[in-house]
């Protein structure tokens, strides 16, 4: 056998193994059950559950000065038709 023929046989065997692996992976991926992934909150941040209540006093609002509206012009009285 020549070196070229041996290389071709090895390449064909490698290709068949790759096809089998791809088929196995596709079947496993499609038939795998989707299980929900649960996370523990303590993994992300540390919390001691001690809450402090802080009361904030709001300053008393001072009455704002109201702007005086400009006097409206009165419409001229309509003349009565005689």
N, C-alpha and C. Protein backbone atom coordinates (compact mmCIF):
# COMPACT_ATOMS: atom_id res chain seq x y z
N UNK A 1 0.85 -1.18 0.00
CA UNK A 1 0.00 0.00 0.00
C UNK A 1 0.88 1.23 0.00
N UNK A 2 0.39 2.21 -0.68
CA UNK A 2 1.16 3.44 -0.75
C UNK A 2 0.74 4.37 0.38
N UNK A 3 1.56 5.35 0.60
CA UNK A 3 1.31 6.33 1.67
C UNK A 3 0.02 7.10 1.41
N UNK A 4 -0.29 7.42 0.14
CA UNK A 4 -1.50 8.16 -0.19
C UNK A 4 -2.74 7.36 0.17
N UNK A 5 -2.71 6.07 -0.10
CA UNK A 5 -3.87 5.24 0.18
C UNK A 5 -4.10 5.14 1.70
N UNK A 6 -3.04 5.03 2.47
CA UNK A 6 -3.16 4.96 3.93
C UNK A 6 -3.74 6.27 4.46
N UNK A 7 -3.31 7.41 3.93
CA UNK A 7 -3.83 8.72 4.36
C UNK A 7 -5.31 8.84 4.05
N UNK A 8 -5.73 8.33 2.88
CA UNK A 8 -7.15 8.39 2.52
C UNK A 8 -7.99 7.54 3.47
N UNK A 9 -7.52 6.36 3.83
CA UNK A 9 -8.25 5.48 4.72
C UNK A 9 -8.38 6.14 6.11
N UNK A 10 -7.31 6.73 6.61
CA UNK A 10 -7.35 7.42 7.91
C UNK A 10 -8.29 8.61 7.86
N UNK A 11 -8.31 9.35 6.76
CA UNK A 11 -9.20 10.50 6.61
C UNK A 11 -10.65 10.07 6.60
N UNK A 12 -10.96 8.94 5.90
CA UNK A 12 -12.33 8.44 5.85
C UNK A 12 -12.78 8.00 7.24
N UNK A 13 -11.91 7.31 7.97
CA UNK A 13 -12.25 6.88 9.33
C UNK A 13 -12.48 8.10 10.23
N UNK A 14 -11.65 9.13 10.14
CA UNK A 14 -11.81 10.34 10.93
C UNK A 14 -13.13 11.05 10.59
N UNK A 15 -13.48 11.08 9.30
CA UNK A 15 -14.73 11.72 8.88
C UNK A 15 -15.93 10.96 9.42
N UNK A 16 -15.88 9.63 9.40
CA UNK A 16 -16.99 8.83 9.92
C UNK A 16 -17.14 9.04 11.43
N UNK A 17 -16.03 9.13 12.14
CA UNK A 17 -16.08 9.40 13.59
C UNK A 17 -16.68 10.78 13.86
N UNK A 18 -16.32 11.76 13.05
CA UNK A 18 -16.86 13.11 13.23
C UNK A 18 -18.37 13.14 12.96
N UNK A 19 -18.82 12.41 11.93
CA UNK A 19 -20.26 12.34 11.64
C UNK A 19 -21.01 11.64 12.77
N UNK A 20 -20.43 10.59 13.30
CA UNK A 20 -21.08 9.88 14.40
C UNK A 20 -21.17 10.77 15.64
N UNK A 21 -20.10 11.51 15.93
CA UNK A 21 -20.11 12.41 17.08
C UNK A 21 -21.14 13.53 16.89
N UNK A 22 -21.24 14.06 15.70
CA UNK A 22 -22.22 15.12 15.42
C UNK A 22 -23.64 14.60 15.57
N UNK A 23 -23.90 13.39 15.07
CA UNK A 23 -25.23 12.80 15.19
C UNK A 23 -25.57 12.53 16.66
N UNK A 24 -24.62 12.02 17.42
CA UNK A 24 -24.83 11.76 18.85
C UNK A 24 -25.13 13.05 19.60
N UNK A 25 -24.36 14.09 19.31
CA UNK A 25 -24.56 15.37 19.99
C UNK A 25 -25.93 15.96 19.64
N UNK A 26 -26.34 15.87 18.37
CA UNK A 26 -27.63 16.43 17.94
C UNK A 26 -28.78 15.68 18.61
N UNK A 27 -28.70 14.34 18.65
CA UNK A 27 -29.77 13.56 19.26
C UNK A 27 -29.83 13.84 20.76
N UNK A 28 -28.69 13.92 21.40
CA UNK A 28 -28.66 14.19 22.84
C UNK A 28 -29.22 15.58 23.15
N UNK A 29 -28.89 16.56 22.32
CA UNK A 29 -29.35 17.94 22.53
C UNK A 29 -30.87 18.04 22.32
N UNK A 30 -31.40 17.34 21.35
CA UNK A 30 -32.82 17.42 21.06
C UNK A 30 -33.67 16.65 22.07
N UNK A 31 -33.16 15.57 22.62
CA UNK A 31 -33.96 14.74 23.52
C UNK A 31 -33.69 15.03 24.99
N UNK A 32 -32.78 15.91 25.29
CA UNK A 32 -32.45 16.21 26.68
C UNK A 32 -33.60 16.96 27.33
N UNK A 33 -33.94 16.59 28.57
CA UNK A 33 -35.01 17.27 29.29
C UNK A 33 -34.50 18.62 29.77
N UNK A 34 -35.34 19.64 29.61
CA UNK A 34 -34.98 20.98 30.08
C UNK A 34 -35.37 21.09 31.55
N UNK A 35 -34.38 21.10 32.42
CA UNK A 35 -34.64 21.26 33.83
C UNK A 35 -34.35 22.70 34.22
N UNK A 36 -35.24 23.30 35.01
CA UNK A 36 -34.99 24.69 35.42
C UNK A 36 -33.76 24.77 36.32
N UNK A 37 -33.04 25.85 36.15
CA UNK A 37 -31.84 26.06 36.94
C UNK A 37 -32.17 27.02 38.07
N UNK A 38 -31.98 26.55 39.28
CA UNK A 38 -32.31 27.36 40.45
C UNK A 38 -31.05 28.00 41.00
N UNK A 39 -31.18 29.25 41.43
CA UNK A 39 -30.06 29.97 41.99
C UNK A 39 -30.37 30.33 43.44
N UNK A 40 -29.38 30.31 44.26
CA UNK A 40 -29.51 30.74 45.64
C UNK A 40 -29.10 32.20 45.71
N UNK A 41 -29.96 33.03 46.30
CA UNK A 41 -29.66 34.46 46.36
C UNK A 41 -28.38 34.74 47.12
N UNK A 42 -28.02 33.89 48.04
CA UNK A 42 -26.81 34.12 48.82
C UNK A 42 -25.54 33.95 47.98
N UNK A 43 -25.68 33.34 46.81
CA UNK A 43 -24.53 33.22 45.92
C UNK A 43 -24.14 34.56 45.32
N UNK A 44 -25.11 35.46 45.19
CA UNK A 44 -24.87 36.71 44.49
C UNK A 44 -24.53 37.86 45.43
N UNK A 45 -25.17 37.93 46.59
CA UNK A 45 -24.88 39.01 47.52
C UNK A 45 -25.14 38.52 48.94
N UNK A 46 -24.49 39.16 49.83
CA UNK A 46 -24.66 38.78 51.23
C UNK A 46 -25.72 39.67 51.85
N UNK A 47 -26.68 39.06 52.51
CA UNK A 47 -27.78 39.82 53.09
C UNK A 47 -28.04 39.31 54.50
N UNK A 48 -28.08 40.21 55.45
CA UNK A 48 -28.32 39.78 56.82
C UNK A 48 -29.77 40.03 57.26
N UNK A 49 -30.59 40.53 56.36
CA UNK A 49 -32.01 40.74 56.58
C UNK A 49 -32.32 41.66 57.77
N UNK A 50 -31.40 42.49 58.18
CA UNK A 50 -31.66 43.49 59.22
C UNK A 50 -31.96 44.81 58.52
N UNK A 51 -33.21 45.20 58.54
CA UNK A 51 -33.62 46.42 57.86
C UNK A 51 -33.75 47.54 58.87
N UNK A 52 -33.25 48.69 58.52
CA UNK A 52 -33.39 49.86 59.37
C UNK A 52 -34.46 50.76 58.78
N UNK A 53 -35.33 51.26 59.66
CA UNK A 53 -36.36 52.19 59.20
C UNK A 53 -35.90 53.58 59.57
N UNK A 54 -35.74 54.40 58.59
CA UNK A 54 -35.28 55.77 58.80
C UNK A 54 -36.43 56.70 58.46
N UNK A 55 -36.82 57.52 59.41
CA UNK A 55 -37.88 58.48 59.17
C UNK A 55 -37.26 59.80 58.75
N UNK A 56 -37.76 60.33 57.68
CA UNK A 56 -37.24 61.59 57.15
C UNK A 56 -38.28 62.66 57.38
N UNK A 57 -37.86 63.73 58.02
CA UNK A 57 -38.78 64.84 58.24
C UNK A 57 -38.68 65.80 57.06
N UNK A 58 -39.84 66.09 56.50
CA UNK A 58 -39.86 67.00 55.36
C UNK A 58 -39.98 68.42 55.88
N UNK A 59 -39.20 69.34 55.36
CA UNK A 59 -39.30 70.72 55.83
C UNK A 59 -40.66 71.31 55.45
N UNK A 60 -41.17 72.15 56.33
CA UNK A 60 -42.46 72.78 56.05
C UNK A 60 -42.31 73.72 54.86
N UNK A 61 -43.23 73.59 53.96
CA UNK A 61 -43.16 74.43 52.76
C UNK A 61 -43.70 75.83 53.08
N UNK A 62 -42.96 76.82 52.65
CA UNK A 62 -43.41 78.19 52.85
C UNK A 62 -44.40 78.54 51.76
N UNK A 63 -45.43 79.32 52.09
CA UNK A 63 -46.41 79.66 51.05
C UNK A 63 -45.74 80.49 49.95
N UNK A 64 -45.99 80.07 48.76
CA UNK A 64 -45.40 80.77 47.62
C UNK A 64 -46.25 81.99 47.29
N UNK A 65 -45.58 83.01 46.82
CA UNK A 65 -46.29 84.23 46.43
C UNK A 65 -47.03 83.97 45.13
N UNK A 66 -48.30 84.31 45.15
CA UNK A 66 -49.08 84.11 43.94
C UNK A 66 -48.92 85.33 43.05
N UNK A 67 -48.73 85.06 41.80
CA UNK A 67 -48.61 86.16 40.84
C UNK A 67 -50.01 86.68 40.55
N UNK A 68 -50.13 87.99 40.57
CA UNK A 68 -51.43 88.59 40.27
C UNK A 68 -51.60 88.60 38.75
N UNK A 69 -52.73 88.11 38.34
CA UNK A 69 -53.01 88.07 36.91
C UNK A 69 -53.37 89.48 36.43
N UNK A 70 -52.96 89.80 35.23
CA UNK A 70 -53.27 91.11 34.65
C UNK A 70 -54.79 91.18 34.46
N UNK A 71 -55.39 92.36 34.74
CA UNK A 71 -56.85 92.46 34.58
C UNK A 71 -57.24 92.23 33.12
N UNK A 72 -58.30 91.47 32.96
CA UNK A 72 -58.75 91.15 31.61
C UNK A 72 -59.55 92.34 31.06
N UNK A 73 -59.40 92.54 29.79
CA UNK A 73 -60.17 93.61 29.15
C UNK A 73 -61.59 93.13 28.92
N UNK A 74 -62.52 93.99 29.26
CA UNK A 74 -63.91 93.62 29.07
C UNK A 74 -64.30 93.92 27.63
N UNK A 75 -65.09 93.05 27.09
CA UNK A 75 -65.56 93.24 25.72
C UNK A 75 -66.59 94.39 25.72
N UNK A 76 -66.59 95.13 24.65
CA UNK A 76 -67.53 96.23 24.53
C UNK A 76 -68.94 95.68 24.48
N UNK A 77 -69.87 96.34 25.14
CA UNK A 77 -71.25 95.83 25.09
C UNK A 77 -71.80 95.90 23.67
N UNK A 78 -72.54 94.86 23.35
CA UNK A 78 -73.10 94.80 22.01
C UNK A 78 -74.31 95.75 21.91
N UNK A 79 -74.42 96.36 20.78
CA UNK A 79 -75.55 97.25 20.57
C UNK A 79 -76.78 96.45 20.19
N UNK A 80 -77.89 96.84 20.77
CA UNK A 80 -79.12 96.12 20.48
C UNK A 80 -79.68 96.61 19.16
N UNK A 81 -80.12 95.70 18.37
CA UNK A 81 -80.69 96.06 17.07
C UNK A 81 -82.10 96.60 17.31
N UNK A 82 -82.44 97.74 16.72
CA UNK A 82 -83.73 98.36 16.93
C UNK A 82 -84.66 98.03 15.82
